[in-house]
Each structure stands twice: as structure tokens, then as C-alpha cells.
C-alpha atoms as a PDB file:
ATOM      1  CA  UNK A   1      11.176  25.063   0.104  1.00  0.00           C
ATOM      2  CA  UNK A   2      12.177  27.655   2.687  1.00  0.00           C
ATOM      3  CA  UNK A   3      11.715  27.057   6.398  1.00  0.00           C
ATOM      4  CA  UNK A   4       9.447  30.105   6.495  1.00  0.00           C
ATOM      5  CA  UNK A   5       7.107  28.317   4.066  1.00  0.00           C
ATOM      6  CA  UNK A   6       7.082  25.233   6.303  1.00  0.00           C
ATOM      7  CA  UNK A   7       6.088  27.446   9.235  1.00  0.00           C
ATOM      8  CA  UNK A   8       3.315  29.063   7.181  1.00  0.00           C
ATOM      9  CA  UNK A   9       1.951  25.772   5.825  1.00  0.00           C
ATOM     10  CA  UNK A  10       1.848  24.217   9.294  1.00  0.00           C
ATOM     11  CA  UNK A  11       0.632  27.385  11.014  1.00  0.00           C
ATOM     12  CA  UNK A  12       3.630  26.892  13.304  1.00  0.00           C
ATOM     13  CA  UNK A  13       5.093  29.090  15.999  1.00  0.00           C
ATOM     14  CA  UNK A  14       8.777  29.934  15.526  1.00  0.00           C
ATOM     15  CA  UNK A  15      10.508  29.274  18.850  1.00  0.00           C
ATOM     16  CA  UNK A  16      14.131  29.717  17.717  1.00  0.00           C
ATOM     17  CA  UNK A  17      16.004  30.533  14.549  1.00  0.00           C
ATOM     18  CA  UNK A  18      14.086  33.514  13.206  1.00  0.00           C
ATOM     19  CA  UNK A  19      17.286  34.491  11.372  1.00  0.00           C
ATOM     20  CA  UNK A  20      17.349  31.137   9.518  1.00  0.00           C
ATOM     21  CA  UNK A  21      13.827  31.116   8.059  1.00  0.00           C
ATOM     22  CA  UNK A  22      15.193  31.717   4.534  1.00  0.00           C
ATOM     23  CA  UNK A  23      17.165  28.451   4.583  1.00  0.00           C
ATOM     24  CA  UNK A  24      16.169  25.908   1.923  1.00  0.00           C
ATOM     25  CA  UNK A  25      15.144  22.391   2.844  1.00  0.00           C
ATOM     26  CA  UNK A  26      14.520  19.549   0.410  1.00  0.00           C
ATOM     27  CA  UNK A  27      12.802  16.829   2.408  1.00  0.00           C
ATOM     28  CA  UNK A  28      10.900  16.043   5.578  1.00  0.00           C
ATOM     29  CA  UNK A  29      10.927  13.129   7.989  1.00  0.00           C
ATOM     30  CA  UNK A  30       8.148  12.403  10.444  1.00  0.00           C
ATOM     31  CA  UNK A  31       9.237  10.151  13.293  1.00  0.00           C
ATOM     32  CA  UNK A  32       9.290   9.775  17.050  1.00  0.00           C
ATOM     33  CA  UNK A  33      12.087   7.201  16.744  1.00  0.00           C
ATOM     34  CA  UNK A  34      15.489   8.860  16.402  1.00  0.00           C
ATOM     35  CA  UNK A  35      17.021   5.549  15.291  1.00  0.00           C
ATOM     36  CA  UNK A  36      14.808   5.708  12.176  1.00  0.00           C
ATOM     37  CA  UNK A  37      15.929   9.258  11.497  1.00  0.00           C
ATOM     38  CA  UNK A  38      19.555   8.168  11.729  1.00  0.00           C
ATOM     39  CA  UNK A  39      18.933   5.199   9.443  1.00  0.00           C
ATOM     40  CA  UNK A  40      16.728   6.705   6.736  1.00  0.00           C
ATOM     41  CA  UNK A  41      17.206  10.461   6.366  1.00  0.00           C
ATOM     42  CA  UNK A  42      19.334  11.221   3.321  1.00  0.00           C
ATOM     43  CA  UNK A  43      18.884  14.852   2.329  1.00  0.00           C
ATOM     44  CA  UNK A  44      18.891  18.115   4.198  1.00  0.00           C
ATOM     45  CA  UNK A  45      15.485  18.081   5.774  1.00  0.00           C
ATOM     46  CA  UNK A  46      13.116  19.016   8.513  1.00  0.00           C
ATOM     47  CA  UNK A  47      12.161  16.602  11.280  1.00  0.00           C
ATOM     48  CA  UNK A  48       8.571  16.423  12.496  1.00  0.00           C
ATOM     49  CA  UNK A  49       8.275  14.756  15.877  1.00  0.00           C
ATOM     50  CA  UNK A  50       6.286  14.529  19.071  1.00  0.00           C
ATOM     51  CA  UNK A  51       9.293  13.306  21.056  1.00  0.00           C
ATOM     52  CA  UNK A  52      10.257  15.760  23.786  1.00  0.00           C
ATOM     53  CA  UNK A  53      13.864  15.280  24.778  1.00  0.00           C
ATOM     54  CA  UNK A  54      17.276  16.694  24.000  1.00  0.00           C
ATOM     55  CA  UNK A  55      18.144  13.622  21.889  1.00  0.00           C
ATOM     56  CA  UNK A  56      15.970  15.106  19.139  1.00  0.00           C
ATOM     57  CA  UNK A  57      18.328  18.073  18.828  1.00  0.00           C
ATOM     58  CA  UNK A  58      21.414  15.861  19.124  1.00  0.00           C
ATOM     59  CA  UNK A  59      20.073  13.672  16.296  1.00  0.00           C
ATOM     60  CA  UNK A  60      19.520  16.714  14.093  1.00  0.00           C
ATOM     61  CA  UNK A  61      23.076  17.849  14.705  1.00  0.00           C
ATOM     62  CA  UNK A  62      24.457  14.429  13.770  1.00  0.00           C
ATOM     63  CA  UNK A  63      22.448  14.473  10.538  1.00  0.00           C
ATOM     64  CA  UNK A  64      23.306  18.095   9.606  1.00  0.00           C
ATOM     65  CA  UNK A  65      19.612  18.990   9.773  1.00  0.00           C
ATOM     66  CA  UNK A  66      18.610  22.532  10.682  1.00  0.00           C
ATOM     67  CA  UNK A  67      14.941  22.419  11.618  1.00  0.00           C
ATOM     68  CA  UNK A  68      12.578  20.506  13.891  1.00  0.00           C
ATOM     69  CA  UNK A  69       8.797  20.827  14.123  1.00  0.00           C
ATOM     70  CA  UNK A  70       7.247  19.677  17.374  1.00  0.00           C
ATOM     71  CA  UNK A  71       3.740  18.459  16.544  1.00  0.00           C
ATOM     72  CA  UNK A  72       0.422  17.694  18.263  1.00  0.00           C
ATOM     73  CA  UNK A  73       0.502  20.957  20.232  1.00  0.00           C
ATOM     74  CA  UNK A  74       3.440  19.791  22.308  1.00  0.00           C
ATOM     75  CA  UNK A  75       5.658  22.580  23.581  1.00  0.00           C
ATOM     76  CA  UNK A  76       9.295  21.640  24.196  1.00  0.00           C
ATOM     77  CA  UNK A  77      10.800  22.422  27.592  1.00  0.00           C
ATOM     78  CA  UNK A  78      12.960  25.546  27.770  1.00  0.00           C
ATOM     79  CA  UNK A  79      16.138  23.446  28.079  1.00  0.00           C
ATOM     80  CA  UNK A  80      15.530  21.849  24.691  1.00  0.00           C
ATOM     81  CA  UNK A  81      14.771  25.224  23.109  1.00  0.00           C
ATOM     82  CA  UNK A  82      17.933  26.752  24.573  1.00  0.00           C
ATOM     83  CA  UNK A  83      20.094  23.820  23.425  1.00  0.00           C
ATOM     84  CA  UNK A  84      18.633  24.111  19.925  1.00  0.00           C
ATOM     85  CA  UNK A  85      19.260  27.850  19.828  1.00  0.00           C
ATOM     86  CA  UNK A  86      22.860  27.419  21.027  1.00  0.00           C
ATOM     87  CA  UNK A  87      23.425  24.985  18.139  1.00  0.00           C
ATOM     88  CA  UNK A  88      21.673  26.943  15.391  1.00  0.00           C
ATOM     89  CA  UNK A  89      18.631  24.673  15.078  1.00  0.00           C
ATOM     90  CA  UNK A  90      15.303  26.206  14.073  1.00  0.00           C
ATOM     91  CA  UNK A  91      12.482  25.058  16.359  1.00  0.00           C
ATOM     92  CA  UNK A  92       8.900  25.253  15.151  1.00  0.00           C
ATOM     93  CA  UNK A  93       5.800  24.139  17.043  1.00  0.00           C
ATOM     94  CA  UNK A  94       2.392  23.270  15.568  1.00  0.00           C
ATOM     95  CA  UNK A  95      -0.930  22.035  16.886  1.00  0.00           C
ATOM     96  CA  UNK A  96      -1.334  19.752  13.867  1.00  0.00           C
ATOM     97  CA  UNK A  97      -0.909  15.970  14.158  1.00  0.00           C
ATOM     98  CA  UNK A  98       1.921  14.130  12.393  1.00  0.00           C
ATOM     99  CA  UNK A  99      -0.166  12.765   9.514  1.00  0.00           C
ATOM    100  CA  UNK A 100      -1.671  16.115   8.587  1.00  0.00           C
ATOM    101  CA  UNK A 101       1.637  17.951   8.976  1.00  0.00           C
ATOM    102  CA  UNK A 102       3.457  15.550   6.646  1.00  0.00           C
ATOM    103  CA  UNK A 103       0.537  15.569   4.216  1.00  0.00           C
ATOM    104  CA  UNK A 104       0.424  19.354   4.007  1.00  0.00           C
ATOM    105  CA  UNK A 105       4.157  19.585   3.341  1.00  0.00           C
ATOM    106  CA  UNK A 106       4.021  16.866   0.697  1.00  0.00           C
ATOM    107  CA  UNK A 107       1.007  18.469  -0.996  1.00  0.00           C
ATOM    108  CA  UNK A 108       2.945  21.740  -1.104  1.00  0.00           C
ATOM    109  CA  UNK A 109       5.768  19.978  -2.979  1.00  0.00           C
ATOM    110  CA  UNK A 110       8.294  19.186  -0.261  1.00  0.00           C
ATOM    111  CA  UNK A 111      10.088  15.915  -0.911  1.00  0.00           C
ATOM    112  CA  UNK A 112       8.427  15.096  -4.222  1.00  0.00           C
ATOM    113  CA  UNK A 113      10.604  13.438  -6.837  1.00  0.00           C
ATOM    114  CA  UNK A 114      11.966  15.436  -9.757  1.00  0.00           C
ATOM    115  CA  UNK A 115       9.929  15.742 -12.969  1.00  0.00           C
ATOM    116  CA  UNK A 116       9.935  12.421 -14.832  1.00  0.00           C
ATOM    117  CA  UNK A 117      10.868  10.376 -11.760  1.00  0.00           C
ATOM    118  CA  UNK A 118       7.396   9.000 -11.107  1.00  0.00           C
ATOM    119  CA  UNK A 119       6.932   5.430 -10.024  1.00  0.00           C
ATOM    120  CA  UNK A 120       5.660   2.650 -12.263  1.00  0.00           C
ATOM    121  CA  UNK A 121       2.029   3.700 -11.841  1.00  0.00           C
ATOM    122  CA  UNK A 122       2.716   7.373 -12.425  1.00  0.00           C
ATOM    123  CA  UNK A 123       2.587   8.017  -8.687  1.00  0.00           C
ATOM    124  CA  UNK A 124       5.519   8.973  -6.532  1.00  0.00           C
ATOM    125  CA  UNK A 125       6.672   6.054  -4.438  1.00  0.00           C
ATOM    126  CA  UNK A 126       4.326   3.571  -6.133  1.00  0.00           C
ATOM    127  CA  UNK A 127       7.212   1.269  -6.980  1.00  0.00           C
ATOM    128  CA  UNK A 128       8.358   1.187  -3.344  1.00  0.00           C
ATOM    129  CA  UNK A 129       5.387  -0.856  -2.173  1.00  0.00           C
END
């Protein structure tokens, strides 16, 4: 899925990275805990978070991620936006809550397993419970 599609699905404002909206992403992670992002993110993805500090951008850089979506109507301070822009990170901002944002992206196909990789009950992730 392209970042531009993420922005459309989440009705998000593009704050930085207009030139990178054609980049492909393969997964999403919703978390306000950067330690979880560091521990569990595997593929190139987009981070959805309500956390408002520069550590969010630093975490993305460590994980080779290119896009963050600030949720719940939160608007990041200009310093965070500038740091993201300097480092080539796309910053999106949406009024949607975390649960709905993740749900919309998943329903649109982001992060779903490949064809034939369903869990034991025919549902994605059913065997992870």
C-alpha cells in the first residue's frame, strides 16, 4: 500500500514528506510505547501513535521506517515536524483514534497475510491466541 493511500484512508493531513507519498509500506504498528516498536516491528511499516516527542522520530529512524501517523487529533510540535522533515520521515496527522485507524488500514489490506497463510480457523492471526 502506498503512503498516499494511508493518508486517504485515515483522512489524514500530510505535514511533511509530500514527495514520498508514492512509497510502498507493508505493515502498520499502533503503539505509544517505543520499546514495543523496537521489539516487535519486523517489516517496513507505518507507525500510528499518540506519543508527542522526538523519540518517536528517532525510533522510526532506528527501524528504517518512513512514516508516522499522529492520531486522536494530536498535532506534533513544530520541532518534531522539522526533525522528521530533516530526516526524510513522512508525518501524517488524523483525528481518528488508534483502534479505528488500525482497523481501517487492516480492512483495506495493510498487513494481512499472503493468500493461503490463514490461521487454523481460517482467520488471520487466529493461531496466535
